[in-house]
């Protein structure tokens, strides 16, 4: 699944499996399970079989964790501190960054067509 072109808010799905989430982030499912234990903001529901069911909010929070740890190079403790400090500001910054990346991708495709 291409993160650049995937808008979680437009998706009709209510829940995502750990495999789907891991594929979105291009990470192993074990890393998602590890983040679930480390970060309080990740609280997937579990079905009768015990399978994790991630909501759209969980997916967004996982993207924030990925952004902090993998893209910005924060340590786990550093990422936890940032998330505890002001998550709404971080979400706004991430939203702006994602939009800028989409615009850049669009402009590069447009340039190729010229």
Protein backbone atom coordinates (compact mmCIF):
# COMPACT_ATOMS: atom_id res chain seq x y z
CA UNK A 1 0.00 0.00 0.00
CA UNK A 2 1.47 3.34 -1.04
CA UNK A 3 1.60 5.72 1.93
CA UNK A 4 1.86 8.74 -0.33
CA UNK A 5 -1.46 8.05 -2.02
CA UNK A 6 -3.33 6.45 0.88
CA UNK A 7 -5.78 8.62 2.82
CA UNK A 8 -6.97 6.73 5.89
CA UNK A 9 -9.92 9.08 6.39
CA UNK A 10 -11.34 8.18 2.98
CA UNK A 11 -11.07 4.44 3.57
CA UNK A 12 -14.37 2.62 4.17
CA UNK A 13 -12.70 0.14 6.53
CA UNK A 14 -13.30 0.42 10.27
CA UNK A 15 -10.52 -1.89 11.45
CA UNK A 16 -7.14 -2.88 10.08
CA UNK A 17 -5.20 -6.02 10.90
CA UNK A 18 -1.64 -5.88 12.20
CA UNK A 19 -0.49 -7.24 8.83
CA UNK A 20 -2.23 -4.45 6.94
CA UNK A 21 -0.76 -1.82 9.26
CA UNK A 22 2.73 -3.30 8.98
CA UNK A 23 2.41 -3.31 5.19
CA UNK A 24 1.33 0.35 5.17
CA UNK A 25 4.44 1.27 7.13
CA UNK A 26 6.72 -1.24 5.41
CA UNK A 27 7.78 -2.74 8.76
CA UNK A 28 7.50 -6.15 10.41
CA UNK A 29 4.44 -7.03 12.46
CA UNK A 30 6.75 -7.65 15.42
CA UNK A 31 7.73 -3.97 15.37
CA UNK A 32 4.06 -2.93 15.47
CA UNK A 33 3.51 -5.28 18.45
CA UNK A 34 6.58 -3.80 20.15
CA UNK A 35 5.32 -0.25 19.61
CA UNK A 36 1.95 -1.29 21.02
CA UNK A 37 3.69 -2.26 24.26
CA UNK A 38 5.89 0.84 24.34
CA UNK A 39 3.42 3.59 23.40
CA UNK A 40 0.27 4.22 25.38
CA UNK A 41 -1.49 5.86 22.43
CA UNK A 42 -1.67 2.52 20.57
CA UNK A 43 -4.66 0.61 21.91
CA UNK A 44 -5.93 -1.85 19.29
CA UNK A 45 -9.04 -3.83 20.05
CA UNK A 46 -8.84 -7.61 20.02
CA UNK A 47 -11.47 -9.85 18.48
CA UNK A 48 -12.64 -13.19 19.93
CA UNK A 49 -9.62 -14.95 18.42
CA UNK A 50 -7.26 -12.41 19.99
CA UNK A 51 -6.33 -10.75 16.69
CA UNK A 52 -5.53 -7.07 16.92
CA UNK A 53 -7.93 -4.70 15.20
CA UNK A 54 -6.48 -1.24 14.67
CA UNK A 55 -8.86 1.71 14.27
CA UNK A 56 -8.17 4.64 11.96
CA UNK A 57 -6.95 6.60 14.98
CA UNK A 58 -4.54 3.76 15.85
CA UNK A 59 -3.26 3.79 12.27
CA UNK A 60 -2.69 7.56 12.43
CA UNK A 61 -0.91 7.21 15.78
CA UNK A 62 1.28 4.46 14.38
CA UNK A 63 2.18 6.73 11.46
CA UNK A 64 3.17 9.41 13.99
CA UNK A 65 5.38 6.95 15.85
CA UNK A 66 6.93 5.81 12.57
CA UNK A 67 7.53 9.43 11.57
CA UNK A 68 9.24 10.25 14.86
CA UNK A 69 11.34 7.10 15.17
CA UNK A 70 12.16 6.16 11.59
CA UNK A 71 12.05 9.45 9.71
CA UNK A 72 13.14 11.99 12.32
CA UNK A 73 15.49 9.69 14.25
CA UNK A 74 14.01 10.02 17.73
CA UNK A 75 14.81 7.43 20.36
CA UNK A 76 11.81 5.59 21.80
CA UNK A 77 11.97 7.69 24.97
CA UNK A 78 12.33 10.87 22.92
CA UNK A 79 9.30 9.94 20.82
CA UNK A 80 7.30 9.17 23.97
CA UNK A 81 8.18 12.58 25.40
CA UNK A 82 7.15 14.36 22.20
CA UNK A 83 3.85 12.47 22.08
CA UNK A 84 3.12 13.30 25.72
CA UNK A 85 4.02 16.98 25.34
CA UNK A 86 1.69 18.15 22.57
CA UNK A 87 0.27 15.49 20.31
CA UNK A 88 -2.16 17.86 18.59
CA UNK A 89 0.67 20.11 17.39
CA UNK A 90 2.63 17.07 16.22
CA UNK A 91 -0.42 15.80 14.29
CA UNK A 92 -0.78 19.21 12.60
CA UNK A 93 2.90 19.23 11.62
CA UNK A 94 2.67 15.68 10.26
CA UNK A 95 -0.47 16.55 8.28
CA UNK A 96 1.28 19.54 6.70
CA UNK A 97 4.36 17.45 5.92
CA UNK A 98 2.24 14.72 4.31
CA UNK A 99 0.44 17.29 2.15
CA UNK A 100 3.75 18.80 1.06
CA UNK A 101 5.07 15.35 0.09
CA UNK A 102 1.94 14.71 -1.99
CA UNK A 103 2.30 18.09 -3.70
CA UNK A 104 5.96 17.38 -4.46
CA UNK A 105 5.05 13.98 -5.91
CA UNK A 106 2.34 15.56 -8.05
CA UNK A 107 4.69 18.27 -9.31
CA UNK A 108 7.39 15.73 -10.19
CA UNK A 109 4.88 13.67 -12.17
CA UNK A 110 3.70 16.83 -13.90
CA UNK A 111 7.29 17.75 -14.76
CA UNK A 112 7.83 14.30 -16.33
CA UNK A 113 4.80 14.81 -18.54
CA UNK A 114 6.10 18.10 -19.95
